[in-house]
Amino acid sequence: MVLRLVQSLGAGAEYGTAVTMTSEYSTAGRRGLYATAPALGVGLGIMLGTGVFALMSLLPRQSFLDWGWRLPFLFGFCLVFVGLYLRLRVAESPEFERLKNSGGLAVSPLRELVRTGRKHLVLASLARSTEAVCAQLFNVFAISYCTAQLGMSAGPALTGVLVANAAGLGVIPLSVHLADRVGRRPVFLFGLFFLAAFAFPFFWLLETRNPLLVIVALVLAYGLGVKVILAVSGAYLAEMFEPRVRNSGVTIARSLSDPLGGFTPLIASALCAATGSYWAIGALLVVLALTSAGAVLASPETREPSPKGVSS
């Protein structure tokens, strides 16, 4: 468990840096599209991990418990070296190099961020907290809810997670294209309000115990609602902070909201056990989505218009 907690810190810092670098490599009017590349990687990673784990679950139960469950983790460990190879060879972004050459680098980015960017830090962490919670709620808790609470096999829920992430590969580019044209806030708010409205219908579909409706529920909740937020949040967070403190701002904003997401399966299980129903979980999701929407409404629109003559 300690190693898993340490791993989550590394994953959060890696994603924040990836968003910062891709956004700073962007061309005029296409920052949203560039900054969404890490989000596509998240979807591919979840699909790959869930698919390999589902494949291993086809083994005889005792073989799966003895050694089969280890194989997905060993495979994932090998991918660490691929990421390390790429990270060691990527150049700093042109925007960072310009800042460096002009002597504009912050001596202590963290101190400057706390001193000048506290408001944006709080708003950014609140805005993306729904994404952090829903990622765990729909990818992790929903599977255990279907099996332990509803007595279903894991197959429909696992299939739903796979299909939702596959759908997200199409939803994400469409969302960022729209965000690059009309702004970050309208698209971000659509995703949040959709999740608030779909919180209870999501559980109603699960309660039918119909495999097809379980898959539909996960596709709509995660493949549409969460993926819209994930698509926009990359550019949104990056643009909220000045280049001098951008990487620190994005990473810390995500790190402030990630612990809530990490504890989501435990919190949801406790609420379900205490109430004997899903209603408390649905209510929590509605409150959280509306809180994130309030943070987005309190934040400025961050999209910069394209220079004249440059298509967005």
C-alpha atoms as a PDB file:
ATOM      1  CA  MET A   1       0.000   0.000   0.000  1.00  0.00           C
ATOM      2  CA  VAL A   2       2.881   2.371   0.763  1.00  0.00           C
ATOM      3  CA  LEU A   3       4.435   1.644  -2.630  1.00  0.00           C
ATOM      4  CA  ARG A   4       1.086   2.235  -4.319  1.00  0.00           C
ATOM      5  CA  LEU A   5       0.786   5.637  -2.624  1.00  0.00           C
ATOM      6  CA  VAL A   6       4.306   6.560  -3.736  1.00  0.00           C
ATOM      7  CA  GLN A   7       3.474   5.412  -7.264  1.00  0.00           C
ATOM      8  CA  SER A   8       0.444   7.705  -7.359  1.00  0.00           C
ATOM      9  CA  LEU A   9       2.628  10.708  -6.526  1.00  0.00           C
ATOM     10  CA  GLY A  10       4.898   9.883  -9.443  1.00  0.00           C
ATOM     11  CA  ALA A  11       1.964   9.374 -11.808  1.00  0.00           C
ATOM     12  CA  GLY A  12       0.399  12.699 -10.825  1.00  0.00           C
ATOM     13  CA  ALA A  13       3.624  14.636 -11.315  1.00  0.00           C
ATOM     14  CA  GLU A  14       4.256  12.930 -14.647  1.00  0.00           C
ATOM     15  CA  TYR A  15       0.821  13.815 -15.987  1.00  0.00           C
ATOM     16  CA  GLY A  16       1.062  17.440 -14.880  1.00  0.00           C
ATOM     17  CA  THR A  17       4.437  17.846 -16.577  1.00  0.00           C
ATOM     18  CA  ALA A  18       3.183  16.116 -19.725  1.00  0.00           C
ATOM     19  CA  VAL A  19       0.228  18.514 -19.955  1.00  0.00           C
ATOM     20  CA  THR A  20       2.512  21.512 -19.447  1.00  0.00           C
ATOM     21  CA  MET A  21       5.012  20.455 -22.095  1.00  0.00           C
ATOM     22  CA  THR A  22       2.443  19.523 -24.744  1.00  0.00           C
ATOM     23  CA  SER A  23       0.532  22.763 -24.216  1.00  0.00           C
ATOM     24  CA  GLU A  24       3.737  24.800 -24.551  1.00  0.00           C
ATOM     25  CA  TYR A  25       4.596  23.023 -27.801  1.00  0.00           C
ATOM     26  CA  SER A  26       1.228  24.058 -29.254  1.00  0.00           C
ATOM     27  CA  THR A  27       0.644  26.330 -32.198  1.00  0.00           C
ATOM     28  CA  ALA A  28      -1.680  29.326 -32.168  1.00  0.00           C
ATOM     29  CA  GLY A  29      -5.301  28.365 -31.556  1.00  0.00           C
ATOM     30  CA  ARG A  30      -4.529  24.684 -30.986  1.00  0.00           C
ATOM     31  CA  ARG A  31      -3.379  24.528 -27.383  1.00  0.00           C
ATOM     32  CA  GLY A  32      -6.409  22.479 -26.391  1.00  0.00           C
ATOM     33  CA  LEU A  33      -5.660  19.891 -29.054  1.00  0.00           C
ATOM     34  CA  TYR A  34      -1.999  19.586 -28.075  1.00  0.00           C
ATOM     35  CA  ALA A  35      -2.681  19.544 -24.329  1.00  0.00           C
ATOM     36  CA  THR A  36      -5.137  16.686 -24.716  1.00  0.00           C
ATOM     37  CA  ALA A  37      -2.469  14.206 -25.867  1.00  0.00           C
ATOM     38  CA  PRO A  38      -1.836  12.987 -22.279  1.00  0.00           C
ATOM     39  CA  ALA A  39      -5.598  12.497 -21.833  1.00  0.00           C
ATOM     40  CA  LEU A  40      -5.638  10.201 -24.851  1.00  0.00           C
ATOM     41  CA  GLY A  41      -2.773   8.316 -23.235  1.00  0.00           C
ATOM     42  CA  VAL A  42      -4.850   7.851 -20.089  1.00  0.00           C
ATOM     43  CA  GLY A  43      -7.654   6.269 -22.102  1.00  0.00           C
ATOM     44  CA  LEU A  44      -5.304   3.987 -23.978  1.00  0.00           C
ATOM     45  CA  GLY A  45      -3.610   2.980 -20.735  1.00  0.00           C
ATOM     46  CA  ILE A  46      -6.893   2.123 -19.015  1.00  0.00           C
ATOM     47  CA  MET A  47      -8.036   0.145 -22.051  1.00  0.00           C
ATOM     48  CA  LEU A  48      -4.781  -1.772 -22.169  1.00  0.00           C
ATOM     49  CA  GLY A  49      -4.707  -2.434 -18.414  1.00  0.00           C
ATOM     50  CA  THR A  50      -8.349  -3.475 -18.212  1.00  0.00           C
ATOM     51  CA  GLY A  51      -8.051  -5.629 -21.328  1.00  0.00           C
ATOM     52  CA  VAL A  52      -4.985  -7.485 -20.083  1.00  0.00           C
ATOM     53  CA  PHE A  53      -6.551  -7.973 -16.656  1.00  0.00           C
ATOM     54  CA  ALA A  54      -9.774  -9.270 -18.240  1.00  0.00           C
ATOM     55  CA  LEU A  55      -7.716 -11.668 -20.330  1.00  0.00           C
ATOM     56  CA  MET A  56      -5.909 -12.967 -17.250  1.00  0.00           C
ATOM     57  CA  SER A  57      -9.247 -13.454 -15.469  1.00  0.00           C
ATOM     58  CA  LEU A  58     -10.053 -16.154 -18.024  1.00  0.00           C
ATOM     59  CA  LEU A  59      -7.468 -18.369 -16.324  1.00  0.00           C
ATOM     60  CA  PRO A  60      -8.652 -20.965 -13.813  1.00  0.00           C
ATOM     61  CA  ARG A  61      -9.413 -19.117 -10.585  1.00  0.00           C
ATOM     62  CA  GLN A  62      -6.576 -20.694  -8.604  1.00  0.00           C
ATOM     63  CA  SER A  63      -4.043 -19.977 -11.346  1.00  0.00           C
ATOM     64  CA  PHE A  64      -5.226 -16.365 -11.484  1.00  0.00           C
ATOM     65  CA  LEU A  65      -4.832 -16.002  -7.717  1.00  0.00           C
ATOM     66  CA  ASP A  66      -1.439 -17.739  -7.685  1.00  0.00           C
ATOM     67  CA  TRP A  67       0.326 -15.947 -10.537  1.00  0.00           C
ATOM     68  CA  GLY A  68      -2.023 -14.608 -13.231  1.00  0.00           C
ATOM     69  CA  TRP A  69      -2.789 -11.312 -11.515  1.00  0.00           C
ATOM     70  CA  ARG A  70       0.935 -10.447 -11.501  1.00  0.00           C
ATOM     71  CA  LEU A  71       1.346 -10.421 -15.280  1.00  0.00           C
ATOM     72  CA  PRO A  72      -0.465  -7.108 -15.983  1.00  0.00           C
ATOM     73  CA  PHE A  73       1.705  -5.389 -13.365  1.00  0.00           C
ATOM     74  CA  LEU A  74       4.911  -6.825 -14.843  1.00  0.00           C
ATOM     75  CA  PHE A  75       3.813  -5.706 -18.295  1.00  0.00           C
ATOM     76  CA  GLY A  76       3.100  -2.209 -16.966  1.00  0.00           C
ATOM     77  CA  PHE A  77       6.518  -2.113 -15.319  1.00  0.00           C
ATOM     78  CA  CYS A  78       8.127  -2.627 -18.730  1.00  0.00           C
ATOM     79  CA  LEU A  79       6.290   0.443 -20.041  1.00  0.00           C
ATOM     80  CA  VAL A  80       8.062   2.548 -17.415  1.00  0.00           C
ATOM     81  CA  PHE A  81      11.280   2.137 -19.390  1.00  0.00           C
ATOM     82  CA  VAL A  82       9.544   3.287 -22.581  1.00  0.00           C
ATOM     83  CA  GLY A  83       8.376   6.444 -20.821  1.00  0.00           C
ATOM     84  CA  LEU A  84      11.805   7.021 -19.307  1.00  0.00           C
ATOM     85  CA  TYR A  85      13.466   6.635 -22.710  1.00  0.00           C
ATOM     86  CA  LEU A  86      11.143   9.242 -24.239  1.00  0.00           C
ATOM     87  CA  ARG A  87      11.424  11.638 -21.298  1.00  0.00           C
ATOM     88  CA  LEU A  88      15.245  11.633 -21.361  1.00  0.00           C
ATOM     89  CA  ARG A  89      15.281  12.564 -25.044  1.00  0.00           C
ATOM     90  CA  VAL A  90      12.549  15.177 -25.303  1.00  0.00           C
ATOM     91  CA  ALA A  91      13.734  18.776 -25.582  1.00  0.00           C
ATOM     92  CA  GLU A  92      12.422  21.600 -23.428  1.00  0.00           C
ATOM     93  CA  SER A  93       9.496  23.475 -24.972  1.00  0.00           C
ATOM     94  CA  PRO A  94      10.201  26.584 -27.076  1.00  0.00           C
ATOM     95  CA  GLU A  95       8.222  28.675 -24.584  1.00  0.00           C
ATOM     96  CA  PHE A  96      10.412  27.479 -21.707  1.00  0.00           C
ATOM     97  CA  GLU A  97      13.581  28.124 -23.716  1.00  0.00           C
ATOM     98  CA  ARG A  98      12.467  31.688 -24.490  1.00  0.00           C
ATOM     99  CA  LEU A  99      11.777  32.269 -20.819  1.00  0.00           C
ATOM    100  CA  LYS A 100      15.165  30.833 -19.894  1.00  0.00           C
ATOM    101  CA  ASN A 101      17.057  32.905 -22.465  1.00  0.00           C
ATOM    102  CA  SER A 102      15.363  36.099 -21.301  1.00  0.00           C
ATOM    103  CA  GLY A 103      16.247  35.400 -17.678  1.00  0.00           C
ATOM    104  CA  GLY A 104      12.600  35.084 -16.700  1.00  0.00           C
ATOM    105  CA  LEU A 105      12.756  31.749 -14.858  1.00  0.00           C
ATOM    106  CA  ALA A 106      11.444  31.830 -11.302  1.00  0.00           C
ATOM    107  CA  VAL A 107      14.098  31.181  -8.650  1.00  0.00           C
ATOM    108  CA  SER A 108      11.526  29.336  -6.530  1.00  0.00           C
ATOM    109  CA  PRO A 109       8.417  28.485  -8.620  1.00  0.00           C
ATOM    110  CA  LEU A 110       6.600  26.974  -5.647  1.00  0.00           C
ATOM    111  CA  ARG A 111       7.122  30.025  -3.447  1.00  0.00           C
ATOM    112  CA  GLU A 112       6.062  32.363  -6.254  1.00  0.00           C
ATOM    113  CA  LEU A 113       3.010  30.217  -6.964  1.00  0.00           C
ATOM    114  CA  VAL A 114       1.878  30.347  -3.334  1.00  0.00           C
ATOM    115  CA  ARG A 115       2.511  34.081  -3.191  1.00  0.00           C
ATOM    116  CA  THR A 116       0.830  35.143  -6.445  1.00  0.00           C
ATOM    117  CA  GLY A 117      -1.352  32.291  -7.644  1.00  0.00           C
ATOM    118  CA  ARG A 118      -3.206  30.971  -4.600  1.00  0.00           C
ATOM    119  CA  LYS A 119      -6.631  31.837  -5.992  1.00  0.00           C
ATOM    120  CA  HIS A 120      -6.049  30.087  -9.297  1.00  0.00           C
ATOM    121  CA  LEU A 121      -4.531  27.121  -7.478  1.00  0.00           C
ATOM    122  CA  VAL A 122      -7.681  26.645  -5.377  1.00  0.00           C
ATOM    123  CA  LEU A 123     -10.032  27.167  -8.322  1.00  0.00           C
ATOM    124  CA  ALA A 124      -8.069  24.784 -10.546  1.00  0.00           C
ATOM    125  CA  SER A 125      -8.031  22.007  -7.929  1.00  0.00           C
ATOM    126  CA  LEU A 126     -11.769  22.395  -7.274  1.00  0.00           C
ATOM    127  CA  ALA A 127     -12.561  22.476 -10.990  1.00  0.00           C
ATOM    128  CA  ARG A 128     -10.870  19.173 -11.741  1.00  0.00           C
ATOM    129  CA  SER A 129     -11.846  17.389  -8.492  1.00  0.00           C
ATOM    130  CA  THR A 130     -14.918  15.894 -10.194  1.00  0.00           C
ATOM    131  CA  GLU A 131     -12.698  14.338 -12.836  1.00  0.00           C
ATOM    132  CA  ALA A 132     -10.486  12.780 -10.140  1.00  0.00           C
ATOM    133  CA  VAL A 133     -13.441  11.329  -8.231  1.00  0.00           C
ATOM    134  CA  CYS A 134     -15.397  10.091 -11.241  1.00  0.00           C
ATOM    135  CA  ALA A 135     -12.376   8.349 -12.734  1.00  0.00           C
ATOM    136  CA  GLN A 136     -12.247   6.129  -9.648  1.00  0.00           C
ATOM    137  CA  LEU A 137     -16.013   5.904  -9.235  1.00  0.00           C
ATOM    138  CA  PHE A 138     -16.694   4.637 -12.733  1.00  0.00           C
ATOM    139  CA  ASN A 139     -13.490   2.681 -13.390  1.00  0.00           C
ATOM    140  CA  VAL A 140     -13.123   1.007  -9.986  1.00  0.00           C
ATOM    141  CA  PHE A 141     -16.139   1.270  -7.687  1.00  0.00           C
ATOM    142  CA  ALA A 142     -18.726   0.580 -10.409  1.00  0.00           C
ATOM    143  CA  ILE A 143     -17.135  -2.811 -11.065  1.00  0.00           C
ATOM    144  CA  SER A 144     -17.242  -3.839  -7.393  1.00  0.00           C
ATOM    145  CA  TYR A 145     -20.782  -2.432  -7.083  1.00  0.00           C
ATOM    146  CA  CYS A 146     -22.000  -4.626  -9.938  1.00  0.00           C
ATOM    147  CA  THR A 147     -20.327  -7.740  -8.541  1.00  0.00           C
ATOM    148  CA  ALA A 148     -20.659  -7.362  -4.752  1.00  0.00           C
ATOM    149  CA  GLN A 149     -23.878  -5.325  -4.499  1.00  0.00           C
ATOM    150  CA  LEU A 150     -25.820  -6.519  -7.528  1.00  0.00           C
ATOM    151  CA  GLY A 151     -24.480 -10.069  -7.749  1.00  0.00           C
ATOM    152  CA  MET A 152     -23.450  -9.761 -11.396  1.00  0.00           C
ATOM    153  CA  SER A 153     -20.324 -11.123 -13.015  1.00  0.00           C
ATOM    154  CA  ALA A 154     -17.510  -8.666 -13.647  1.00  0.00           C
ATOM    155  CA  GLY A 155     -17.822  -9.105 -17.411  1.00  0.00           C
ATOM    156  CA  PRO A 156     -20.406  -6.379 -18.242  1.00  0.00           C
ATOM    157  CA  ALA A 157     -18.733  -3.751 -16.044  1.00  0.00           C
ATOM    158  CA  LEU A 158     -15.266  -4.525 -17.416  1.00  0.00           C
ATOM    159  CA  THR A 159     -16.646  -4.397 -20.949  1.00  0.00           C
ATOM    160  CA  GLY A 160     -18.311  -1.091 -20.126  1.00  0.00           C
ATOM    161  CA  VAL A 161     -15.000   0.383 -18.939  1.00  0.00           C
ATOM    162  CA  LEU A 162     -13.277  -0.789 -22.132  1.00  0.00           C
ATOM    163  CA  VAL A 163     -16.016   0.564 -24.424  1.00  0.00           C
ATOM    164  CA  ALA A 164     -16.180   3.854 -22.468  1.00  0.00           C
ATOM    165  CA  ASN A 165     -12.465   4.443 -22.902  1.00  0.00           C
ATOM    166  CA  ALA A 166     -12.691   3.511 -26.580  1.00  0.00           C
ATOM    167  CA  ALA A 167     -15.523   6.020 -26.989  1.00  0.00           C
ATOM    168  CA  GLY A 168     -13.385   8.577 -25.172  1.00  0.00           C
ATOM    169  CA  LEU A 169     -10.783   8.374 -27.924  1.00  0.00           C
ATOM    170  CA  GLY A 170     -13.369  10.037 -30.161  1.00  0.00           C
ATOM    171  CA  VAL A 171     -14.996  12.287 -27.553  1.00  0.00           C
ATOM    172  CA  ILE A 172     -11.708  13.874 -26.458  1.00  0.00           C
ATOM    173  CA  PRO A 173     -10.608  15.270 -29.871  1.00  0.00           C
ATOM    174  CA  LEU A 174     -14.122  16.542 -30.582  1.00  0.00           C
ATOM    175  CA  SER A 175     -14.299  18.232 -27.169  1.00  0.00           C
ATOM    176  CA  VAL A 176     -10.963  20.017 -27.499  1.00  0.00           C
ATOM    177  CA  HIS A 177     -11.724  21.075 -31.058  1.00  0.00           C
ATOM    178  CA  LEU A 178     -14.897  22.690 -29.762  1.00  0.00           C
ATOM    179  CA  ALA A 179     -13.021  24.198 -26.787  1.00  0.00           C
ATOM    180  CA  ASP A 180     -10.429  25.708 -29.129  1.00  0.00           C
ATOM    181  CA  ARG A 181     -13.238  27.381 -31.064  1.00  0.00           C
ATOM    182  CA  VAL A 182     -15.780  28.497 -28.441  1.00  0.00           C
ATOM    183  CA  GLY A 183     -13.745  28.494 -25.233  1.00  0.00           C
ATOM    184  CA  ARG A 184     -12.811  26.200 -22.374  1.00  0.00           C
ATOM    185  CA  ARG A 185     -15.537  27.130 -19.915  1.00  0.00           C
ATOM    186  CA  PRO A 186     -18.650  26.236 -21.992  1.00  0.00           C
ATOM    187  CA  VAL A 187     -17.319  22.762 -22.803  1.00  0.00           C
ATOM    188  CA  PHE A 188     -16.050  22.182 -19.263  1.00  0.00           C
ATOM    189  CA  LEU A 189     -19.422  23.218 -17.814  1.00  0.00           C
ATOM    190  CA  PHE A 190     -21.291  20.933 -20.206  1.00  0.00           C
ATOM    191  CA  GLY A 191     -19.352  17.933 -18.915  1.00  0.00           C
ATOM    192  CA  LEU A 192     -19.926  18.890 -15.276  1.00  0.00           C
ATOM    193  CA  PHE A 193     -23.651  19.582 -15.635  1.00  0.00           C
ATOM    194  CA  PHE A 194     -24.089  16.362 -17.586  1.00  0.00           C
ATOM    195  CA  LEU A 195     -22.473  14.366 -14.770  1.00  0.00           C
ATOM    196  CA  ALA A 196     -24.647  16.097 -12.180  1.00  0.00           C
ATOM    197  CA  ALA A 197     -27.791  15.288 -14.171  1.00  0.00           C
ATOM    198  CA  PHE A 198     -26.691  11.699 -14.891  1.00  0.00           C
ATOM    199  CA  ALA A 199     -25.597  10.805 -11.334  1.00  0.00           C
ATOM    200  CA  PHE A 200     -28.811   9.005 -10.365  1.00  0.00           C
ATOM    201  CA  PRO A 201     -29.745   7.658 -13.834  1.00  0.00           C
ATOM    202  CA  PHE A 202     -26.310   6.020 -13.851  1.00  0.00           C
ATOM    203  CA  PHE A 203     -27.217   3.904 -10.836  1.00  0.00           C
ATOM    204  CA  TRP A 204     -30.744   3.290 -12.135  1.00  0.00           C
ATOM    205  CA  LEU A 205     -29.228   1.674 -15.229  1.00  0.00           C
ATOM    206  CA  LEU A 206     -26.873  -0.439 -13.110  1.00  0.00           C
ATOM    207  CA  GLU A 207     -29.773  -1.574 -10.916  1.00  0.00           C
ATOM    208  CA  THR A 208     -31.492  -3.152 -13.930  1.00  0.00           C
ATOM    209  CA  ARG A 209     -28.706  -5.779 -13.943  1.00  0.00           C
ATOM    210  CA  ASN A 210     -29.056  -5.774 -17.705  1.00  0.00           C
ATOM    211  CA  PRO A 211     -25.518  -6.212 -19.167  1.00  0.00           C
ATOM    212  CA  LEU A 212     -26.260  -3.940 -22.133  1.00  0.00           C
ATOM    213  CA  LEU A 213     -27.646  -1.148 -19.946  1.00  0.00           C
ATOM    214  CA  VAL A 214     -24.654  -1.452 -17.593  1.00  0.00           C
ATOM    215  CA  ILE A 215     -22.370  -0.879 -20.568  1.00  0.00           C
ATOM    216  CA  VAL A 216     -24.497   2.078 -21.744  1.00  0.00           C
ATOM    217  CA  ALA A 217     -24.340   3.620 -18.260  1.00  0.00           C
ATOM    218  CA  LEU A 218     -20.542   3.458 -18.146  1.00  0.00           C
ATOM    219  CA  VAL A 219     -20.156   4.753 -21.692  1.00  0.00           C
ATOM    220  CA  LEU A 220     -22.359   7.783 -21.010  1.00  0.00           C
ATOM    221  CA  ALA A 221     -20.892   8.535 -17.571  1.00  0.00           C
ATOM    222  CA  TYR A 222     -17.230   7.943 -18.269  1.00  0.00           C
ATOM    223  CA  GLY A 223     -16.904   7.858 -22.048  1.00  0.00           C
ATOM    224  CA  LEU A 224     -18.847  11.106 -22.440  1.00  0.00           C
ATOM    225  CA  GLY A 225     -19.120  13.075 -19.179  1.00  0.00           C
ATOM    226  CA  VAL A 226     -15.694  12.446 -17.672  1.00  0.00           C
ATOM    227  CA  LYS A 227     -13.839  12.437 -20.991  1.00  0.00           C
ATOM    228  CA  VAL A 228     -15.210  15.872 -21.894  1.00  0.00           C
ATOM    229  CA  ILE A 229     -13.853  17.234 -18.607  1.00  0.00           C
ATOM    230  CA  LEU A 230     -10.548  15.411 -19.003  1.00  0.00           C
ATOM    231  CA  ALA A 231     -10.164  16.734 -22.536  1.00  0.00           C
ATOM    232  CA  VAL A 232     -10.618  20.375 -21.571  1.00  0.00           C
ATOM    233  CA  SER A 233      -8.884  20.361 -18.191  1.00  0.00           C
ATOM    234  CA  GLY A 234      -5.385  19.987 -19.674  1.00  0.00           C
ATOM    235  CA  ALA A 235      -5.383  23.289 -21.540  1.00  0.00           C
ATOM    236  CA  TYR A 236      -7.597  24.928 -18.924  1.00  0.00           C
ATOM    237  CA  LEU A 237      -5.186  24.236 -16.070  1.00  0.00           C
ATOM    238  CA  ALA A 238      -2.106  25.098 -18.115  1.00  0.00           C
ATOM    239  CA  GLU A 239      -3.531  28.436 -19.231  1.00  0.00           C
ATOM    240  CA  MET A 240      -4.524  29.454 -15.702  1.00  0.00           C
ATOM    241  CA  PHE A 241      -0.871  29.813 -14.673  1.00  0.00           C
ATOM    242  CA  GLU A 242       1.948  31.997 -15.951  1.00  0.00           C
ATOM    243  CA  PRO A 243       4.811  30.154 -17.716  1.00  0.00           C
ATOM    244  CA  ARG A 244       7.128  30.912 -14.758  1.00  0.00           C
ATOM    245  CA  VAL A 245       5.018  28.726 -12.442  1.00  0.00           C
ATOM    246  CA  ARG A 246       2.934  26.700 -14.918  1.00  0.00           C
ATOM    247  CA  ASN A 247       4.368  23.241 -14.278  1.00  0.00           C
ATOM    248  CA  SER A 248       4.191  23.681 -10.508  1.00  0.00           C
ATOM    249  CA  GLY A 249       0.670  25.087 -10.752  1.00  0.00           C
ATOM    250  CA  VAL A 250      -0.725  22.279 -12.905  1.00  0.00           C
ATOM    251  CA  THR A 251       0.955  19.529 -10.883  1.00  0.00           C
ATOM    252  CA  ILE A 252      -0.023  20.892  -7.459  1.00  0.00           C
ATOM    253  CA  ALA A 253      -3.609  21.637  -8.544  1.00  0.00           C
ATOM    254  CA  ARG A 254      -3.953  18.027  -9.615  1.00  0.00           C
ATOM    255  CA  SER A 255      -2.197  16.763  -6.486  1.00  0.00           C
ATOM    256  CA  LEU A 256      -4.580  18.681  -4.234  1.00  0.00           C
ATOM    257  CA  SER A 257      -7.617  16.958  -5.764  1.00  0.00           C
ATOM    258  CA  ASP A 258      -6.140  13.516  -6.441  1.00  0.00           C
ATOM    259  CA  PRO A 259      -6.297  12.262  -2.804  1.00  0.00           C
ATOM    260  CA  LEU A 260     -10.083  12.675  -2.848  1.00  0.00           C
ATOM    261  CA  GLY A 261     -10.185  10.617  -6.029  1.00  0.00           C
ATOM    262  CA  GLY A 262      -7.922   7.968  -4.550  1.00  0.00           C
ATOM    263  CA  PHE A 263     -10.211   7.493  -1.554  1.00  0.00           C
ATOM    264  CA  THR A 264     -13.385   7.502  -3.683  1.00  0.00           C
ATOM    265  CA  PRO A 265     -13.879   3.691  -3.793  1.00  0.00           C
ATOM    266  CA  LEU A 266     -13.485   3.535   0.001  1.00  0.00           C
ATOM    267  CA  ILE A 267     -15.829   6.497   0.564  1.00  0.00           C
ATOM    268  CA  ALA A 268     -18.421   5.122  -1.875  1.00  0.00           C
ATOM    269  CA  SER A 269     -18.277   1.663  -0.284  1.00  0.00           C
ATOM    270  CA  ALA A 270     -18.727   3.172   3.191  1.00  0.00           C
ATOM    271  CA  LEU A 271     -21.706   5.261   2.042  1.00  0.00           C
ATOM    272  CA  CYS A 272     -23.272   2.249   0.380  1.00  0.00           C
ATOM    273  CA  ALA A 273     -22.802   0.123   3.515  1.00  0.00           C
ATOM    274  CA  ALA A 274     -24.144   2.839   5.821  1.00  0.00           C
ATOM    275  CA  THR A 275     -27.271   3.626   3.794  1.00  0.00           C
ATOM    276  CA  GLY A 276     -27.850   0.316   2.066  1.00  0.00           C
ATOM    277  CA  SER A 277     -28.401   2.185  -1.169  1.00  0.00           C
ATOM    278  CA  TYR A 278     -26.684   4.207  -3.880  1.00  0.00           C
ATOM    279  CA  TRP A 279     -28.529   7.473  -3.158  1.00  0.00           C
ATOM    280  CA  ALA A 280     -25.804   8.936  -0.929  1.00  0.00           C
ATOM    281  CA  ILE A 281     -23.176   8.275  -3.611  1.00  0.00           C
ATOM    282  CA  GLY A 282     -25.364   9.916  -6.252  1.00  0.00           C
ATOM    283  CA  ALA A 283     -25.944  12.928  -4.000  1.00  0.00           C
ATOM    284  CA  LEU A 284     -22.195  13.242  -3.377  1.00  0.00           C
ATOM    285  CA  LEU A 285     -21.538  13.206  -7.112  1.00  0.00           C
ATOM    286  CA  VAL A 286     -24.149  15.921  -7.735  1.00  0.00           C
ATOM    287  CA  VAL A 287     -22.695  18.174  -5.021  1.00  0.00           C
ATOM    288  CA  LEU A 288     -19.150  17.644  -6.265  1.00  0.00           C
ATOM    289  CA  ALA A 289     -20.011  18.326  -9.919  1.00  0.00           C
ATOM    290  CA  LEU A 290     -21.861  21.524  -9.002  1.00  0.00           C
ATOM    291  CA  THR A 291     -18.933  22.627  -6.799  1.00  0.00           C
ATOM    292  CA  SER A 292     -16.557  22.138  -9.726  1.00  0.00           C
ATOM    293  CA  ALA A 293     -18.956  24.061 -11.955  1.00  0.00           C
ATOM    294  CA  GLY A 294     -18.915  26.922  -9.457  1.00  0.00           C
ATOM    295  CA  ALA A 295     -15.113  26.982  -9.570  1.00  0.00           C
ATOM    296  CA  VAL A 296     -15.158  27.094 -13.375  1.00  0.00           C
ATOM    297  CA  LEU A 297     -17.700  29.928 -13.340  1.00  0.00           C
ATOM    298  CA  ALA A 298     -15.502  31.831 -10.877  1.00  0.00           C
ATOM    299  CA  SER A 299     -12.476  31.421 -13.160  1.00  0.00           C
ATOM    300  CA  PRO A 300     -11.738  33.475 -16.263  1.00  0.00           C
ATOM    301  CA  GLU A 301     -12.022  32.113 -19.777  1.00  0.00           C
ATOM    302  CA  THR A 302      -8.445  31.081 -20.575  1.00  0.00           C
ATOM    303  CA  ARG A 303      -8.615  30.466 -24.313  1.00  0.00           C
ATOM    304  CA  GLU A 304      -6.622  33.000 -26.260  1.00  0.00           C
ATOM    305  CA  PRO A 305      -8.041  33.957 -29.653  1.00  0.00           C
ATOM    306  CA  SER A 306      -6.034  32.850 -32.653  1.00  0.00           C
ATOM    307  CA  PRO A 307      -3.898  35.481 -34.346  1.00  0.00           C
ATOM    308  CA  LYS A 308      -5.516  37.055 -37.389  1.00  0.00           C
ATOM    309  CA  GLY A 309      -5.254  34.754 -40.364  1.00  0.00           C
ATOM    310  CA  VAL A 310      -4.591  31.648 -38.290  1.00  0.00           C
ATOM    311  CA  SER A 311      -7.327  29.039 -38.307  1.00  0.00           C
ATOM    312  CA  SER A 312      -8.418  27.606 -34.967  1.00  0.00           C
END
